[in-house]
Amino acid sequence: MMDSLISVIIPVYNLEDYIENCLKSVTAQTYPNLEIICVDDGSSDNSAGVIEAMAEKDGRIRLIRQDNAGVSAARNVGVRNSRGEYLIFVDGDDYIHRQTVEILLDCILKEDCDIVCAFEKVTERLDEDMPEIRDWKAVKTEYKALFSYNNSSVLGKSACAKIYRRSFAVKTEFPEDITNGEDGYYIISLLSMDATVAIVNERLYYYYNRPDSTVTSAFSVKKFSITKSFDRICDNLRDSDNEFLKSYSLQYLYQTIFYNRTLAVGTPDEAYVKSECRRYGKKWMKPFLKNRGIKLRIKTVFVIFFYSRRFYELARMIQDPTMRDFYRNRNKEG
């Protein structure tokens, strides 16, 4: 029903320069029946103060404080404290189109599904234009479609830009010991439970690409946990009959191995990452090679990459010429 309570869950950690903009985009929604749960994950700045000031003006905003435990723990706490029939996740440095909740709720009701996915816009601005959206429509689809759109990894591996039926969303949790790749773990875990999915072809989520974000910051061992995340996903799917997700997760596991192994070169974590990459790679090599859903060409290339980092870096430079400067500068620094 279009009077349903919607829980918007926002994890916050040291975002005093961004959280007000995020909350303004949520409180300005054309659909008003919201509870806006901000979970402050032990911020050392004035993030909580900004939230409290806005909560005094809008009673839909609720602040929960916790000791620093990571974004996964913050989201899990938000879900446990939510009362809405449907859930939406928004990161505290991003923002959403003013019609986001209205459109997503309308689509999930009409399509009667577990998850509705929208598209994101990556931006370096905090004030993107938001033209009115008319005549939106969601299309019910197989979950495979979430991983096939060009330039839209948000569909398959991000918890944001989606609305979830709460009764379905609570069937799993975000992994609290994973600091990179927690979204992929959560989404793939839900999809493996035969989730019904629809896609609305609208850009409703504005991903703010700030210079000091986790994605753009220098390599650290925390980033390596995405490999740990997909190792766990592969373990969970080992006995599953969902062949598509098994193939996808195995292939993506090796992509994270190559990516992290080359980025770690010249850093204090190089030896550890190299050792762990070798361990995970050997663990899954037989299932990877036997998997019928992965093309022989990809298997061949990935095996070569696994035994030769240089081949992988060469391939990255051919695919993306800007990586040439990255590798050159890294070698100089090393």
C-alpha atoms as a PDB file:
ATOM      1  CA  MET A   1       0.000   0.000   0.000  1.00  0.00           C
ATOM      2  CA  MET A   2       1.144   3.530  -0.784  1.00  0.00           C
ATOM      3  CA  ASP A   3       0.876   4.493   2.900  1.00  0.00           C
ATOM      4  CA  SER A   4       3.475   1.922   3.998  1.00  0.00           C
ATOM      5  CA  LEU A   5       6.197   2.998   6.394  1.00  0.00           C
ATOM      6  CA  ILE A   6       9.596   2.998   4.658  1.00  0.00           C
ATOM      7  CA  SER A   7      12.801   2.699   6.684  1.00  0.00           C
ATOM      8  CA  VAL A   8      15.760   4.588   5.220  1.00  0.00           C
ATOM      9  CA  ILE A   9      18.966   3.332   6.851  1.00  0.00           C
ATOM     10  CA  ILE A  10      22.042   5.556   6.723  1.00  0.00           C
ATOM     11  CA  PRO A  11      25.424   4.450   8.153  1.00  0.00           C
ATOM     12  CA  VAL A  12      27.590   7.415   9.153  1.00  0.00           C
ATOM     13  CA  TYR A  13      31.277   7.649   9.985  1.00  0.00           C
ATOM     14  CA  ASN A  14      33.059  11.024  10.042  1.00  0.00           C
ATOM     15  CA  LEU A  15      30.789  12.611   7.457  1.00  0.00           C
ATOM     16  CA  GLU A  16      30.037  15.994   9.005  1.00  0.00           C
ATOM     17  CA  ASP A  17      30.714  17.702   5.641  1.00  0.00           C
ATOM     18  CA  TYR A  18      28.262  15.480   3.750  1.00  0.00           C
ATOM     19  CA  ILE A  19      25.543  14.088   6.019  1.00  0.00           C
ATOM     20  CA  GLU A  20      23.426  17.245   5.977  1.00  0.00           C
ATOM     21  CA  ASN A  21      23.230  17.130   2.181  1.00  0.00           C
ATOM     22  CA  CYS A  22      22.322  13.430   2.329  1.00  0.00           C
ATOM     23  CA  LEU A  23      19.588  13.988   4.900  1.00  0.00           C
ATOM     24  CA  LYS A  24      18.143  16.956   3.015  1.00  0.00           C
ATOM     25  CA  SER A  25      17.685  14.719  -0.028  1.00  0.00           C
ATOM     26  CA  VAL A  26      15.875  12.132   2.111  1.00  0.00           C
ATOM     27  CA  THR A  27      13.636  14.518   4.054  1.00  0.00           C
ATOM     28  CA  ALA A  28      12.661  16.218   0.766  1.00  0.00           C
ATOM     29  CA  GLN A  29      11.172  13.005  -0.648  1.00  0.00           C
ATOM     30  CA  THR A  30       7.812  13.253  -2.383  1.00  0.00           C
ATOM     31  CA  TYR A  31       6.752  10.207  -0.353  1.00  0.00           C
ATOM     32  CA  PRO A  32       6.551  11.360   3.288  1.00  0.00           C
ATOM     33  CA  ASN A  33       5.903   8.259   5.435  1.00  0.00           C
ATOM     34  CA  LEU A  34       9.507   7.574   6.384  1.00  0.00           C
ATOM     35  CA  GLU A  35      11.601   6.668   9.362  1.00  0.00           C
ATOM     36  CA  ILE A  36      15.159   7.826   8.756  1.00  0.00           C
ATOM     37  CA  ILE A  37      17.604   5.824  10.867  1.00  0.00           C
ATOM     38  CA  CYS A  38      21.111   7.263  11.067  1.00  0.00           C
ATOM     39  CA  VAL A  39      23.632   4.957  12.724  1.00  0.00           C
ATOM     40  CA  ASP A  40      26.699   6.900  13.839  1.00  0.00           C
ATOM     41  CA  ASP A  41      29.556   4.395  13.806  1.00  0.00           C
ATOM     42  CA  GLY A  42      31.755   6.021  16.446  1.00  0.00           C
ATOM     43  CA  SER A  43      32.500   9.206  14.491  1.00  0.00           C
ATOM     44  CA  SER A  44      35.242  11.425  15.909  1.00  0.00           C
ATOM     45  CA  ASP A  45      33.911  14.537  14.144  1.00  0.00           C
ATOM     46  CA  ASN A  46      30.595  16.388  14.522  1.00  0.00           C
ATOM     47  CA  SER A  47      28.513  14.042  12.376  1.00  0.00           C
ATOM     48  CA  ALA A  48      26.216  13.178  15.301  1.00  0.00           C
ATOM     49  CA  GLY A  49      25.755  16.853  16.114  1.00  0.00           C
ATOM     50  CA  VAL A  50      24.639  17.616  12.558  1.00  0.00           C
ATOM     51  CA  ILE A  51      22.158  14.725  12.667  1.00  0.00           C
ATOM     52  CA  GLU A  52      20.782  15.782  16.051  1.00  0.00           C
ATOM     53  CA  ALA A  53      20.263  19.356  14.840  1.00  0.00           C
ATOM     54  CA  MET A  54      18.310  18.104  11.822  1.00  0.00           C
ATOM     55  CA  ALA A  55      16.333  15.648  13.979  1.00  0.00           C
ATOM     56  CA  GLU A  56      15.073  18.538  16.082  1.00  0.00           C
ATOM     57  CA  LYS A  57      13.475  19.984  12.927  1.00  0.00           C
ATOM     58  CA  ASP A  58      12.225  16.686  11.485  1.00  0.00           C
ATOM     59  CA  GLY A  59      10.887  14.029  13.833  1.00  0.00           C
ATOM     60  CA  ARG A  60      11.306  11.286  11.226  1.00  0.00           C
ATOM     61  CA  ILE A  61      15.087  11.354  11.789  1.00  0.00           C
ATOM     62  CA  ARG A  62      16.420   9.047  14.480  1.00  0.00           C
ATOM     63  CA  LEU A  63      20.049   8.836  15.631  1.00  0.00           C
ATOM     64  CA  ILE A  64      21.590   5.624  16.965  1.00  0.00           C
ATOM     65  CA  ARG A  65      25.142   5.761  18.293  1.00  0.00           C
ATOM     66  CA  GLN A  66      27.556   2.843  18.484  1.00  0.00           C
ATOM     67  CA  ASP A  67      31.268   2.318  19.011  1.00  0.00           C
ATOM     68  CA  ASN A  68      33.179   2.096  15.745  1.00  0.00           C
ATOM     69  CA  ALA A  69      32.447  -1.339  14.277  1.00  0.00           C
ATOM     70  CA  GLY A  70      32.273  -0.699  10.524  1.00  0.00           C
ATOM     71  CA  VAL A  71      29.612  -0.007   7.921  1.00  0.00           C
ATOM     72  CA  SER A  72      28.233  -3.564   8.011  1.00  0.00           C
ATOM     73  CA  ALA A  73      27.599  -3.427  11.744  1.00  0.00           C
ATOM     74  CA  ALA A  74      25.991   0.000  11.348  1.00  0.00           C
ATOM     75  CA  ARG A  75      23.614  -1.256   8.652  1.00  0.00           C
ATOM     76  CA  ASN A  76      22.749  -4.360  10.666  1.00  0.00           C
ATOM     77  CA  VAL A  77      21.904  -2.209  13.685  1.00  0.00           C
ATOM     78  CA  GLY A  78      19.759  -0.002  11.470  1.00  0.00           C
ATOM     79  CA  VAL A  79      17.845  -2.992  10.117  1.00  0.00           C
ATOM     80  CA  ARG A  80      17.280  -4.447  13.587  1.00  0.00           C
ATOM     81  CA  ASN A  81      15.866  -1.142  14.799  1.00  0.00           C
ATOM     82  CA  SER A  82      13.701  -0.509  11.750  1.00  0.00           C
ATOM     83  CA  ARG A  83       9.916  -0.760  11.769  1.00  0.00           C
ATOM     84  CA  GLY A  84       9.154  -0.213   8.093  1.00  0.00           C
ATOM     85  CA  GLU A  85       7.610  -2.757   5.771  1.00  0.00           C
ATOM     86  CA  TYR A  86      10.280  -1.856   3.205  1.00  0.00           C
ATOM     87  CA  LEU A  87      13.956  -0.879   3.528  1.00  0.00           C
ATOM     88  CA  ILE A  88      16.231   1.462   1.589  1.00  0.00           C
ATOM     89  CA  PHE A  89      19.972   1.897   2.230  1.00  0.00           C
ATOM     90  CA  VAL A  90      21.670   5.236   1.587  1.00  0.00           C
ATOM     91  CA  ASP A  91      25.326   5.936   2.376  1.00  0.00           C
ATOM     92  CA  GLY A  92      25.850   9.120   4.360  1.00  0.00           C
ATOM     93  CA  ASP A  93      28.032  10.837   1.769  1.00  0.00           C
ATOM     94  CA  ASP A  94      25.641  10.118  -1.129  1.00  0.00           C
ATOM     95  CA  TYR A  95      22.173  11.467  -1.869  1.00  0.00           C
ATOM     96  CA  ILE A  96      19.009  10.493  -3.714  1.00  0.00           C
ATOM     97  CA  HIS A  97      16.524  11.922  -6.200  1.00  0.00           C
ATOM     98  CA  ARG A  98      13.547  13.505  -4.464  1.00  0.00           C
ATOM     99  CA  GLN A  99      11.197  10.935  -6.077  1.00  0.00           C
ATOM    100  CA  THR A 100      13.290   7.891  -5.164  1.00  0.00           C
ATOM    101  CA  VAL A 101      11.070   6.444  -2.442  1.00  0.00           C
ATOM    102  CA  GLU A 102       7.853   7.178  -4.339  1.00  0.00           C
ATOM    103  CA  ILE A 103       9.106   5.445  -7.484  1.00  0.00           C
ATOM    104  CA  LEU A 104      10.701   2.442  -5.788  1.00  0.00           C
ATOM    105  CA  LEU A 105       7.678   1.811  -3.557  1.00  0.00           C
ATOM    106  CA  ASP A 106       5.278   2.111  -6.480  1.00  0.00           C
ATOM    107  CA  CYS A 107       7.350  -0.395  -8.464  1.00  0.00           C
ATOM    108  CA  ILE A 108       7.750  -2.984  -5.724  1.00  0.00           C
ATOM    109  CA  LEU A 109       4.014  -2.901  -5.068  1.00  0.00           C
ATOM    110  CA  LYS A 110       3.044  -3.194  -8.723  1.00  0.00           C
ATOM    111  CA  GLU A 111       5.559  -5.951  -9.479  1.00  0.00           C
ATOM    112  CA  ASP A 112       5.001  -7.747  -6.154  1.00  0.00           C
ATOM    113  CA  CYS A 113       8.674  -8.688  -5.793  1.00  0.00           C
ATOM    114  CA  ASP A 114      11.376  -8.802  -3.104  1.00  0.00           C
ATOM    115  CA  ILE A 115      13.784  -6.212  -4.516  1.00  0.00           C
ATOM    116  CA  VAL A 116      13.507  -3.339  -6.980  1.00  0.00           C
ATOM    117  CA  CYS A 117      16.768  -1.933  -8.353  1.00  0.00           C
ATOM    118  CA  ALA A 118      17.370   1.525  -9.806  1.00  0.00           C
ATOM    119  CA  PHE A 119      20.451   3.009 -11.457  1.00  0.00           C
ATOM    120  CA  GLU A 120      23.025   5.331  -9.928  1.00  0.00           C
ATOM    121  CA  LYS A 121      24.828   8.375 -11.215  1.00  0.00           C
ATOM    122  CA  VAL A 122      28.451   8.790 -10.184  1.00  0.00           C
ATOM    123  CA  THR A 123      29.068  12.466  -9.532  1.00  0.00           C
ATOM    124  CA  GLU A 124      31.629  14.872  -8.117  1.00  0.00           C
ATOM    125  CA  ARG A 125      28.887  17.378  -7.288  1.00  0.00           C
ATOM    126  CA  LEU A 126      26.628  17.621  -4.257  1.00  0.00           C
ATOM    127  CA  ASP A 127      23.925  19.466  -6.181  1.00  0.00           C
ATOM    128  CA  GLU A 128      23.038  17.447  -9.262  1.00  0.00           C
ATOM    129  CA  ASP A 129      19.952  18.595 -11.157  1.00  0.00           C
ATOM    130  CA  MET A 130      16.899  16.471 -10.419  1.00  0.00           C
ATOM    131  CA  PRO A 131      14.394  16.843 -13.250  1.00  0.00           C
ATOM    132  CA  GLU A 132      10.929  15.511 -12.535  1.00  0.00           C
ATOM    133  CA  ILE A 133      10.484  11.876 -13.526  1.00  0.00           C
ATOM    134  CA  ARG A 134       7.223  10.860 -15.166  1.00  0.00           C
ATOM    135  CA  ASP A 135       5.818   7.592 -16.430  1.00  0.00           C
ATOM    136  CA  TRP A 136       8.372   5.349 -14.741  1.00  0.00           C
ATOM    137  CA  LYS A 137       8.043   1.636 -15.115  1.00  0.00           C
ATOM    138  CA  ALA A 138       9.705  -1.378 -13.543  1.00  0.00           C
ATOM    139  CA  VAL A 139      10.343  -4.598 -15.425  1.00  0.00           C
ATOM    140  CA  LYS A 140      10.379  -7.889 -13.577  1.00  0.00           C
ATOM    141  CA  THR A 141      13.466  -9.840 -14.550  1.00  0.00           C
ATOM    142  CA  GLU A 142      15.748 -12.712 -13.662  1.00  0.00           C
ATOM    143  CA  TYR A 143      18.451 -11.861 -11.127  1.00  0.00           C
ATOM    144  CA  LYS A 144      21.033 -12.573 -13.864  1.00  0.00           C
ATOM    145  CA  ALA A 145      20.122  -9.247 -15.441  1.00  0.00           C
ATOM    146  CA  LEU A 146      21.574  -7.401 -12.459  1.00  0.00           C
ATOM    147  CA  PHE A 147      25.057  -8.440 -13.585  1.00  0.00           C
ATOM    148  CA  SER A 148      24.701  -7.791 -17.311  1.00  0.00           C
ATOM    149  CA  TYR A 149      24.064  -4.067 -17.625  1.00  0.00           C
ATOM    150  CA  ASN A 150      26.991  -2.024 -18.949  1.00  0.00           C
ATOM    151  CA  ASN A 151      28.543   0.367 -16.430  1.00  0.00           C
ATOM    152  CA  SER A 152      26.050  -0.526 -13.723  1.00  0.00           C
ATOM    153  CA  SER A 153      27.791  -2.679 -11.142  1.00  0.00           C
ATOM    154  CA  VAL A 154      25.509  -1.028  -8.583  1.00  0.00           C
ATOM    155  CA  LEU A 155      22.730  -3.341  -9.738  1.00  0.00           C
ATOM    156  CA  GLY A 156      24.518  -6.548  -8.871  1.00  0.00           C
ATOM    157  CA  LYS A 157      26.898  -5.657  -6.075  1.00  0.00           C
ATOM    158  CA  SER A 158      25.649  -2.575  -4.214  1.00  0.00           C
ATOM    159  CA  ALA A 159      23.130  -2.513  -1.380  1.00  0.00           C
ATOM    160  CA  CYS A 160      22.109   1.022  -2.344  1.00  0.00           C
ATOM    161  CA  ALA A 161      19.794   2.222  -5.145  1.00  0.00           C
ATOM    162  CA  LYS A 162      17.315  -0.492  -4.151  1.00  0.00           C
ATOM    163  CA  ILE A 163      14.191  -1.067  -2.120  1.00  0.00           C
ATOM    164  CA  TYR A 164      13.730  -4.346  -0.247  1.00  0.00           C
ATOM    165  CA  ARG A 165      10.753  -6.091   1.216  1.00  0.00           C
ATOM    166  CA  ARG A 166      11.842  -6.136   4.861  1.00  0.00           C
ATOM    167  CA  SER A 167      10.648  -9.693   5.496  1.00  0.00           C
ATOM    168  CA  PHE A 168      13.032 -10.830   2.772  1.00  0.00           C
ATOM    169  CA  ALA A 169      15.936  -8.481   3.546  1.00  0.00           C
ATOM    170  CA  VAL A 170      16.339  -9.843   7.079  1.00  0.00           C
ATOM    171  CA  LYS A 171      17.059 -13.370   5.826  1.00  0.00           C
ATOM    172  CA  THR A 172      20.760 -12.488   5.858  1.00  0.00           C
ATOM    173  CA  GLU A 173      23.016  -9.807   7.343  1.00  0.00           C
ATOM    174  CA  PHE A 174      25.996  -7.760   6.238  1.00  0.00           C
ATOM    175  CA  PRO A 175      29.259  -9.520   7.245  1.00  0.00           C
ATOM    176  CA  GLU A 176      30.742  -7.463  10.054  1.00  0.00           C
ATOM    177  CA  ASP A 177      34.300  -8.717   9.614  1.00  0.00           C
ATOM    178  CA  ILE A 178      34.398  -7.628   5.950  1.00  0.00           C
ATOM    179  CA  THR A 179      35.459  -4.041   5.201  1.00  0.00           C
ATOM    180  CA  ASN A 180      35.328  -4.169   1.397  1.00  0.00           C
ATOM    181  CA  GLY A 181      32.896  -6.349  -0.527  1.00  0.00           C
ATOM    182  CA  GLU A 182      30.220  -6.454   2.156  1.00  0.00           C
ATOM    183  CA  ASP A 183      27.583  -5.205  -0.290  1.00  0.00           C
ATOM    184  CA  GLY A 184      28.316  -7.973  -2.786  1.00  0.00           C
ATOM    185  CA  TYR A 185      28.105 -10.573  -0.038  1.00  0.00           C
ATOM    186  CA  TYR A 186      24.726  -9.262   1.126  1.00  0.00           C
ATOM    187  CA  ILE A 187      23.161  -8.962  -2.338  1.00  0.00           C
ATOM    188  CA  ILE A 188      24.411 -12.309  -3.663  1.00  0.00           C
ATOM    189  CA  SER A 189      23.293 -14.019  -0.452  1.00  0.00           C
ATOM    190  CA  LEU A 190      19.772 -12.649  -0.976  1.00  0.00           C
ATOM    191  CA  LEU A 191      19.713 -13.534  -4.666  1.00  0.00           C
ATOM    192  CA  SER A 192      20.747 -17.100  -3.872  1.00  0.00           C
ATOM    193  CA  MET A 193      17.505 -17.416  -1.877  1.00  0.00           C
ATOM    194  CA  ASP A 194      15.427 -17.163  -5.056  1.00  0.00           C
ATOM    195  CA  ALA A 195      14.744 -13.448  -4.761  1.00  0.00           C
ATOM    196  CA  THR A 196      12.193 -11.971  -7.137  1.00  0.00           C
ATOM    197  CA  VAL A 197      13.637  -8.856  -8.749  1.00  0.00           C
ATOM    198  CA  ALA A 198      12.554  -5.906 -10.877  1.00  0.00           C
ATOM    199  CA  ILE A 199      14.532  -3.064 -12.459  1.00  0.00           C
ATOM    200  CA  VAL A 200      13.343   0.502 -12.933  1.00  0.00           C
ATOM    201  CA  ASN A 201      15.317   2.251 -15.656  1.00  0.00           C
ATOM    202  CA  GLU A 202      15.821   5.535 -13.791  1.00  0.00           C
ATOM    203  CA  ARG A 203      18.872   7.139 -12.175  1.00  0.00           C
ATOM    204  CA  LEU A 204      17.675   7.692  -8.634  1.00  0.00           C
ATOM    205  CA  TYR A 205      20.873   7.387  -6.591  1.00  0.00           C
ATOM    206  CA  TYR A 206      23.706   9.912  -6.666  1.00  0.00           C
ATOM    207  CA  TYR A 207      26.998   8.299  -5.716  1.00  0.00           C
ATOM    208  CA  TYR A 208      29.284  11.120  -4.584  1.00  0.00           C
ATOM    209  CA  ASN A 209      32.838  10.311  -5.610  1.00  0.00           C
ATOM    210  CA  ARG A 210      34.702  12.209  -2.911  1.00  0.00           C
ATOM    211  CA  PRO A 211      38.522  12.324  -3.028  1.00  0.00           C
ATOM    212  CA  ASP A 212      38.996  10.727   0.406  1.00  0.00           C
ATOM    213  CA  SER A 213      36.480   7.906  -0.024  1.00  0.00           C
ATOM    214  CA  THR A 214      37.282   4.246   0.621  1.00  0.00           C
ATOM    215  CA  VAL A 215      37.116   3.541  -3.108  1.00  0.00           C
ATOM    216  CA  THR A 216      39.589   6.242  -4.146  1.00  0.00           C
ATOM    217  CA  SER A 217      42.014   5.962  -1.214  1.00  0.00           C
ATOM    218  CA  ALA A 218      45.391   4.240  -1.486  1.00  0.00           C
ATOM    219  CA  PHE A 219      45.620   0.471  -1.147  1.00  0.00           C
ATOM    220  CA  SER A 220      45.438  -0.968   2.342  1.00  0.00           C
ATOM    221  CA  VAL A 221      44.925  -4.464   3.660  1.00  0.00           C
ATOM    222  CA  LYS A 222      41.298  -3.510   4.384  1.00  0.00           C
ATOM    223  CA  LYS A 223      40.636  -3.418   0.650  1.00  0.00           C
ATOM    224  CA  PHE A 224      41.855  -6.998   0.387  1.00  0.00           C
ATOM    225  CA  SER A 225      38.810  -8.158   2.328  1.00  0.00           C
ATOM    226  CA  ILE A 226      36.801  -8.124  -0.915  1.00  0.00           C
ATOM    227  CA  THR A 227      38.701 -11.301  -1.815  1.00  0.00           C
ATOM    228  CA  LYS A 228      37.821 -12.715   1.593  1.00  0.00           C
ATOM    229  CA  SER A 229      34.201 -11.749   0.948  1.00  0.00           C
ATOM    230  CA  PHE A 230      33.988 -13.633  -2.347  1.00  0.00           C
ATOM    231  CA  ASP A 231      35.822 -16.617  -0.898  1.00  0.00           C
ATOM    232  CA  ARG A 232      33.048 -16.824   1.677  1.00  0.00           C
ATOM    233  CA  ILE A 233      30.368 -16.373  -0.987  1.00  0.00           C
ATOM    234  CA  CYS A 234      31.877 -19.250  -2.980  1.00  0.00           C
ATOM    235  CA  ASP A 235      31.895 -21.388   0.162  1.00  0.00           C
ATOM    236  CA  ASN A 236      28.229 -20.596   0.772  1.00  0.00           C
ATOM    237  CA  LEU A 237      27.333 -21.488  -2.823  1.00  0.00           C
ATOM    238  CA  ARG A 238      29.442 -24.641  -2.988  1.00  0.00           C
ATOM    239  CA  ASP A 239      26.441 -26.962  -2.665  1.00  0.00           C
ATOM    240  CA  SER A 240      23.962 -24.617  -4.320  1.00  0.00           C
ATOM    241  CA  ASP A 241      22.153 -25.491  -7.540  1.00  0.00           C
ATOM    242  CA  ASN A 242      22.359 -21.840  -8.585  1.00  0.00           C
ATOM    243  CA  GLU A 243      24.916 -22.326 -11.332  1.00  0.00           C
ATOM    244  CA  PHE A 244      24.882 -18.717 -12.511  1.00  0.00           C
ATOM    245  CA  LEU A 245      25.807 -17.240  -9.128  1.00  0.00           C
ATOM    246  CA  LYS A 246      28.445 -19.928  -8.603  1.00  0.00           C
ATOM    247  CA  SER A 247      30.063 -19.109 -11.950  1.00  0.00           C
ATOM    248  CA  TYR A 248      29.847 -15.365 -11.412  1.00  0.00           C
ATOM    249  CA  SER A 249      31.267 -15.489  -7.884  1.00  0.00           C
ATOM    250  CA  LEU A 250      34.170 -17.777  -8.827  1.00  0.00           C
ATOM    251  CA  GLN A 251      35.118 -15.538 -11.728  1.00  0.00           C
ATOM    252  CA  TYR A 252      34.838 -12.378  -9.644  1.00  0.00           C
ATOM    253  CA  LEU A 253      36.900 -13.975  -6.859  1.00  0.00           C
ATOM    254  CA  TYR A 254      39.819 -14.333  -9.272  1.00  0.00           C
ATOM    255  CA  GLN A 255      39.338 -10.781 -10.526  1.00  0.00           C
ATOM    256  CA  THR A 256      39.739  -9.520  -6.958  1.00  0.00           C
ATOM    257  CA  ILE A 257      42.851 -11.684  -6.533  1.00  0.00           C
ATOM    258  CA  PHE A 258      44.540 -10.135  -9.563  1.00  0.00           C
ATOM    259  CA  TYR A 259      43.411  -6.622  -8.689  1.00  0.00           C
ATOM    260  CA  ASN A 260      44.583  -6.729  -5.072  1.00  0.00           C
ATOM    261  CA  ARG A 261      47.812  -8.572  -5.824  1.00  0.00           C
ATOM    262  CA  THR A 262      48.985  -5.926  -8.268  1.00  0.00           C
ATOM    263  CA  LEU A 263      47.810  -2.929  -6.180  1.00  0.00           C
ATOM    264  CA  ALA A 264      49.622  -4.271  -3.123  1.00  0.00           C
ATOM    265  CA  VAL A 265      53.022  -4.260  -4.850  1.00  0.00           C
ATOM    266  CA  GLY A 266      55.372  -1.838  -3.117  1.00  0.00           C
ATOM    267  CA  THR A 267      53.161  -1.483  -0.020  1.00  0.00           C
ATOM    268  CA  PRO A 268      53.815  -2.817   3.508  1.00  0.00           C
ATOM    269  CA  ASP A 269      51.109  -5.425   2.914  1.00  0.00           C
ATOM    270  CA  GLU A 270      52.614  -6.871  -0.276  1.00  0.00           C
ATOM    271  CA  ALA A 271      53.941 -10.113   1.231  1.00  0.00           C
ATOM    272  CA  TYR A 272      50.716 -10.840   3.124  1.00  0.00           C
ATOM    273  CA  VAL A 273      48.475 -10.106   0.133  1.00  0.00           C
ATOM    274  CA  LYS A 274      50.640 -12.181  -2.195  1.00  0.00           C
ATOM    275  CA  SER A 275      50.528 -15.135   0.203  1.00  0.00           C
ATOM    276  CA  GLU A 276      46.759 -14.890   0.717  1.00  0.00           C
ATOM    277  CA  CYS A 277      46.105 -14.512  -3.008  1.00  0.00           C
ATOM    278  CA  ARG A 278      48.074 -17.669  -3.648  1.00  0.00           C
ATOM    279  CA  ARG A 279      46.145 -19.496  -0.918  1.00  0.00           C
ATOM    280  CA  TYR A 280      42.699 -18.460  -2.158  1.00  0.00           C
ATOM    281  CA  GLY A 281      43.686 -19.041  -5.769  1.00  0.00           C
ATOM    282  CA  LYS A 282      44.848 -22.593  -5.134  1.00  0.00           C
ATOM    283  CA  LYS A 283      41.791 -23.318  -2.995  1.00  0.00           C
ATOM    284  CA  TRP A 284      39.371 -22.549  -5.812  1.00  0.00           C
ATOM    285  CA  MET A 285      41.392 -23.489  -8.893  1.00  0.00           C
ATOM    286  CA  LYS A 286      39.763 -26.910  -9.428  1.00  0.00           C
ATOM    287  CA  PRO A 287      36.143 -25.681  -9.013  1.00  0.00           C
ATOM    288  CA  PHE A 288      36.999 -22.717 -11.257  1.00  0.00           C
ATOM    289  CA  LEU A 289      38.412 -24.905 -14.034  1.00  0.00           C
ATOM    290  CA  LYS A 290      35.560 -27.437 -13.774  1.00  0.00           C
ATOM    291  CA  ASN A 291      32.810 -24.826 -13.801  1.00  0.00           C
ATOM    292  CA  ARG A 292      30.892 -25.111 -17.058  1.00  0.00           C
ATOM    293  CA  GLY A 293      29.471 -21.616 -16.796  1.00  0.00           C
ATOM    294  CA  ILE A 294      32.880 -19.986 -17.219  1.00  0.00           C
ATOM    295  CA  LYS A 295      34.182 -19.741 -20.770  1.00  0.00           C
ATOM    296  CA  LEU A 296      37.354 -21.642 -21.684  1.00  0.00           C
ATOM    297  CA  ARG A 297      38.948 -18.416 -22.920  1.00  0.00           C
ATOM    298  CA  ILE A 298      38.431 -16.788 -19.533  1.00  0.00           C
ATOM    299  CA  LYS A 299      39.757 -19.843 -17.707  1.00  0.00           C
ATOM    300  CA  THR A 300      42.898 -19.835 -19.853  1.00  0.00           C
ATOM    301  CA  VAL A 301      43.540 -16.135 -19.398  1.00  0.00           C
ATOM    302  CA  PHE A 302      42.886 -16.236 -15.666  1.00  0.00           C
ATOM    303  CA  VAL A 303      45.240 -19.175 -15.129  1.00  0.00           C
ATOM    304  CA  ILE A 304      47.964 -17.242 -16.958  1.00  0.00           C
ATOM    305  CA  PHE A 305      47.203 -14.180 -14.824  1.00  0.00           C
ATOM    306  CA  PHE A 306      47.330 -16.260 -11.654  1.00  0.00           C
ATOM    307  CA  TYR A 307      50.852 -17.457 -12.346  1.00  0.00           C
ATOM    308  CA  SER A 308      52.100 -14.178 -13.836  1.00  0.00           C
ATOM    309  CA  ARG A 309      51.222 -10.812 -12.353  1.00  0.00           C
ATOM    310  CA  ARG A 310      53.046  -9.086 -15.228  1.00  0.00           C
ATOM    311  CA  PHE A 311      50.636 -10.506 -17.810  1.00  0.00           C
ATOM    312  CA  TYR A 312      47.722  -9.192 -15.780  1.00  0.00           C
ATOM    313  CA  GLU A 313      49.242  -5.725 -15.559  1.00  0.00           C
ATOM    314  CA  LEU A 314      49.912  -5.717 -19.288  1.00  0.00           C
ATOM    315  CA  ALA A 315      46.296  -6.632 -19.954  1.00  0.00           C
ATOM    316  CA  ARG A 316      45.102  -3.858 -17.628  1.00  0.00           C
ATOM    317  CA  MET A 317      47.251  -1.312 -19.493  1.00  0.00           C
ATOM    318  CA  ILE A 318      45.839  -2.416 -22.839  1.00  0.00           C
ATOM    319  CA  GLN A 319      42.302  -2.206 -21.492  1.00  0.00           C
ATOM    320  CA  ASP A 320      42.889   1.080 -19.658  1.00  0.00           C
ATOM    321  CA  PRO A 321      45.896   3.144 -20.853  1.00  0.00           C
ATOM    322  CA  THR A 322      45.781   5.291 -17.695  1.00  0.00           C
ATOM    323  CA  MET A 323      47.017   2.260 -15.737  1.00  0.00           C
ATOM    324  CA  ARG A 324      50.371   2.634 -17.490  1.00  0.00           C
ATOM    325  CA  ASP A 325      51.120   5.765 -15.455  1.00  0.00           C
ATOM    326  CA  PHE A 326      49.889   4.083 -12.294  1.00  0.00           C
ATOM    327  CA  TYR A 327      52.241   1.138 -12.658  1.00  0.00           C
ATOM    328  CA  ARG A 328      55.141   3.376 -13.705  1.00  0.00           C
ATOM    329  CA  ASN A 329      54.707   5.640 -10.674  1.00  0.00           C
ATOM    330  CA  ARG A 330      54.236   2.710  -8.332  1.00  0.00           C
ATOM    331  CA  ASN A 331      57.461   1.091  -9.511  1.00  0.00           C
ATOM    332  CA  LYS A 332      59.325   4.362  -9.015  1.00  0.00           C
ATOM    333  CA  GLU A 333      57.984   4.716  -5.483  1.00  0.00           C
ATOM    334  CA  GLY A 334      58.839   1.082  -4.782  1.00  0.00           C
END
